[in-house]
Amino acid sequence: MRWIELNDGDLINLDAVASIIAGEKSNRVCYIAETETIATEIFATHEQVKCRMQQLKDLLLEK
């Protein structure tokens, strides 16, 4: 299992996530399971969103 800590301190199991979506204008990263949103992170800037998405990409693509 791959767990990450969200910016509010909650933990999420990435194995349960089907999709991760970055909001362009809302500065949010949403973690979506098959039928529902299971977590949302809210950031102050879009740069922080881009940084989080890169962290996730690096984590998920590591072998």
N, C-alpha and C. Protein backbone atom coordinates (compact mmCIF):
# COMPACT_ATOMS: atom_id res chain seq x y z
N MET A 1 0.84 -1.19 0.00
CA MET A 1 0.00 0.00 0.00
C MET A 1 0.88 1.25 0.00
N ARG A 2 0.42 2.24 -0.69
CA ARG A 2 1.10 3.53 -0.70
C ARG A 2 0.22 4.57 -0.01
N TRP A 3 0.72 5.07 1.09
CA TRP A 3 0.01 6.07 1.86
C TRP A 3 0.71 7.41 1.71
N ILE A 4 -0.06 8.48 1.66
CA ILE A 4 0.51 9.83 1.69
C ILE A 4 -0.22 10.63 2.76
N GLU A 5 0.46 11.63 3.25
CA GLU A 5 -0.15 12.55 4.21
C GLU A 5 -0.64 13.77 3.46
N LEU A 6 -1.91 14.09 3.62
CA LEU A 6 -2.48 15.28 3.00
C LEU A 6 -2.04 16.52 3.76
N ASN A 7 -2.24 17.69 3.16
CA ASN A 7 -1.77 18.91 3.80
C ASN A 7 -2.53 19.25 5.09
N ASP A 8 -3.64 18.55 5.36
CA ASP A 8 -4.35 18.77 6.62
C ASP A 8 -3.98 17.72 7.67
N GLY A 9 -3.04 16.82 7.32
CA GLY A 9 -2.59 15.81 8.26
C GLY A 9 -3.27 14.45 8.10
N ASP A 10 -4.37 14.38 7.36
CA ASP A 10 -5.03 13.10 7.12
C ASP A 10 -4.16 12.22 6.23
N LEU A 11 -4.37 10.92 6.33
CA LEU A 11 -3.67 9.96 5.48
C LEU A 11 -4.63 9.40 4.45
N ILE A 12 -4.11 9.12 3.26
CA ILE A 12 -4.93 8.52 2.20
C ILE A 12 -4.14 7.39 1.57
N ASN A 13 -4.85 6.30 1.31
CA ASN A 13 -4.26 5.15 0.65
C ASN A 13 -4.39 5.35 -0.85
N LEU A 14 -3.27 5.55 -1.53
CA LEU A 14 -3.31 5.80 -2.97
C LEU A 14 -3.80 4.60 -3.76
N ASP A 15 -3.75 3.40 -3.18
CA ASP A 15 -4.27 2.22 -3.88
C ASP A 15 -5.78 2.30 -4.05
N ALA A 16 -6.46 3.09 -3.22
CA ALA A 16 -7.91 3.24 -3.31
C ALA A 16 -8.32 4.35 -4.27
N VAL A 17 -7.35 5.06 -4.81
CA VAL A 17 -7.63 6.22 -5.67
C VAL A 17 -7.62 5.79 -7.13
N ALA A 18 -8.69 6.17 -7.85
CA ALA A 18 -8.77 5.86 -9.28
C ALA A 18 -8.28 7.02 -10.13
N SER A 19 -8.39 8.25 -9.60
CA SER A 19 -8.02 9.44 -10.36
C SER A 19 -7.64 10.56 -9.41
N ILE A 20 -6.70 11.39 -9.86
CA ILE A 20 -6.30 12.58 -9.11
C ILE A 20 -6.44 13.76 -10.05
N ILE A 21 -7.18 14.77 -9.62
CA ILE A 21 -7.47 15.92 -10.47
C ILE A 21 -6.99 17.20 -9.80
N ALA A 22 -6.26 18.02 -10.57
CA ALA A 22 -5.81 19.32 -10.07
C ALA A 22 -6.72 20.40 -10.63
N GLY A 23 -7.28 21.22 -9.73
CA GLY A 23 -8.12 22.33 -10.17
C GLY A 23 -7.28 23.50 -10.63
N GLU A 24 -7.54 23.99 -11.83
CA GLU A 24 -6.79 25.11 -12.38
C GLU A 24 -7.04 26.41 -11.63
N LYS A 25 -8.30 26.69 -11.30
CA LYS A 25 -8.66 27.96 -10.67
C LYS A 25 -8.95 27.84 -9.19
N SER A 26 -9.27 26.62 -8.74
CA SER A 26 -9.70 26.46 -7.35
C SER A 26 -8.55 26.13 -6.40
N ASN A 27 -7.34 25.88 -6.93
CA ASN A 27 -6.19 25.52 -6.11
C ASN A 27 -6.48 24.31 -5.23
N ARG A 28 -7.11 23.30 -5.83
CA ARG A 28 -7.46 22.07 -5.12
C ARG A 28 -6.90 20.86 -5.86
N VAL A 29 -6.60 19.84 -5.09
CA VAL A 29 -6.27 18.53 -5.64
C VAL A 29 -7.30 17.57 -5.08
N CYS A 30 -8.04 16.91 -5.98
CA CYS A 30 -9.10 15.98 -5.58
C CYS A 30 -8.68 14.55 -5.87
N TYR A 31 -8.90 13.69 -4.89
CA TYR A 31 -8.59 12.27 -5.00
C TYR A 31 -9.91 11.54 -5.14
N ILE A 32 -10.08 10.84 -6.25
CA ILE A 32 -11.37 10.25 -6.57
C ILE A 32 -11.26 8.74 -6.65
N ALA A 33 -12.18 8.05 -5.96
CA ALA A 33 -12.29 6.59 -6.05
C ALA A 33 -13.20 6.29 -7.23
N GLU A 34 -13.64 5.08 -7.36
CA GLU A 34 -14.48 4.68 -8.50
C GLU A 34 -15.74 5.54 -8.64
N THR A 35 -16.38 5.89 -7.53
CA THR A 35 -17.67 6.57 -7.64
C THR A 35 -17.78 7.84 -6.80
N GLU A 36 -16.74 8.20 -6.06
CA GLU A 36 -16.87 9.36 -5.18
C GLU A 36 -15.52 10.01 -4.91
N THR A 37 -15.58 11.27 -4.53
CA THR A 37 -14.38 11.97 -4.10
C THR A 37 -14.07 11.53 -2.68
N ILE A 38 -12.85 11.05 -2.46
CA ILE A 38 -12.53 10.55 -1.12
C ILE A 38 -11.68 11.53 -0.32
N ALA A 39 -11.10 12.52 -1.00
CA ALA A 39 -10.34 13.54 -0.28
C ALA A 39 -10.10 14.73 -1.21
N THR A 40 -9.96 15.90 -0.60
CA THR A 40 -9.64 17.12 -1.34
C THR A 40 -8.63 17.91 -0.53
N GLU A 41 -7.56 18.35 -1.19
CA GLU A 41 -6.58 19.23 -0.56
C GLU A 41 -6.78 20.62 -1.14
N ILE A 42 -6.74 21.63 -0.29
CA ILE A 42 -6.87 23.02 -0.72
C ILE A 42 -5.54 23.72 -0.47
N PHE A 43 -5.05 24.40 -1.49
CA PHE A 43 -3.77 25.09 -1.41
C PHE A 43 -3.97 26.59 -1.60
N ALA A 44 -3.00 27.36 -1.17
CA ALA A 44 -3.08 28.82 -1.27
C ALA A 44 -2.80 29.31 -2.69
N THR A 45 -1.94 28.59 -3.41
CA THR A 45 -1.55 29.05 -4.76
C THR A 45 -1.57 27.88 -5.74
N HIS A 46 -1.63 28.22 -7.02
CA HIS A 46 -1.58 27.20 -8.05
C HIS A 46 -0.19 26.56 -8.11
N GLU A 47 0.83 27.29 -7.75
CA GLU A 47 2.18 26.73 -7.70
C GLU A 47 2.27 25.58 -6.71
N GLN A 48 1.59 25.70 -5.58
CA GLN A 48 1.56 24.63 -4.60
C GLN A 48 0.84 23.40 -5.16
N VAL A 49 -0.21 23.64 -5.92
CA VAL A 49 -0.93 22.54 -6.57
C VAL A 49 0.00 21.81 -7.54
N LYS A 50 0.73 22.57 -8.34
CA LYS A 50 1.66 21.97 -9.30
C LYS A 50 2.75 21.18 -8.59
N CYS A 51 3.23 21.69 -7.48
CA CYS A 51 4.25 20.99 -6.69
C CYS A 51 3.69 19.67 -6.14
N ARG A 52 2.47 19.69 -5.61
CA ARG A 52 1.85 18.48 -5.07
C ARG A 52 1.65 17.45 -6.18
N MET A 53 1.19 17.90 -7.35
CA MET A 53 1.00 16.97 -8.46
C MET A 53 2.32 16.34 -8.88
N GLN A 54 3.40 17.10 -8.85
CA GLN A 54 4.71 16.54 -9.19
C GLN A 54 5.15 15.52 -8.15
N GLN A 55 4.89 15.82 -6.86
CA GLN A 55 5.22 14.86 -5.80
C GLN A 55 4.46 13.55 -6.00
N LEU A 56 3.18 13.67 -6.34
CA LEU A 56 2.36 12.48 -6.56
C LEU A 56 2.85 11.70 -7.78
N LYS A 57 3.17 12.41 -8.84
CA LYS A 57 3.67 11.75 -10.05
C LYS A 57 4.96 11.00 -9.74
N ASP A 58 5.87 11.64 -9.02
CA ASP A 58 7.13 10.99 -8.66
C ASP A 58 6.89 9.74 -7.81
N LEU A 59 5.97 9.83 -6.85
CA LEU A 59 5.66 8.70 -5.98
C LEU A 59 5.04 7.56 -6.76
N LEU A 60 4.08 7.87 -7.60
CA LEU A 60 3.35 6.84 -8.31
C LEU A 60 4.15 6.20 -9.44
N LEU A 61 5.12 6.92 -9.97
CA LEU A 61 5.91 6.38 -11.08
C LEU A 61 7.21 5.72 -10.64
N GLU A 62 7.54 5.81 -9.33
CA GLU A 62 8.76 5.16 -8.86
C GLU A 62 8.60 3.65 -8.87
N LYS A 63 9.68 2.99 -9.14
CA LYS A 63 9.60 1.52 -9.25
C LYS A 63 10.28 0.85 -8.09
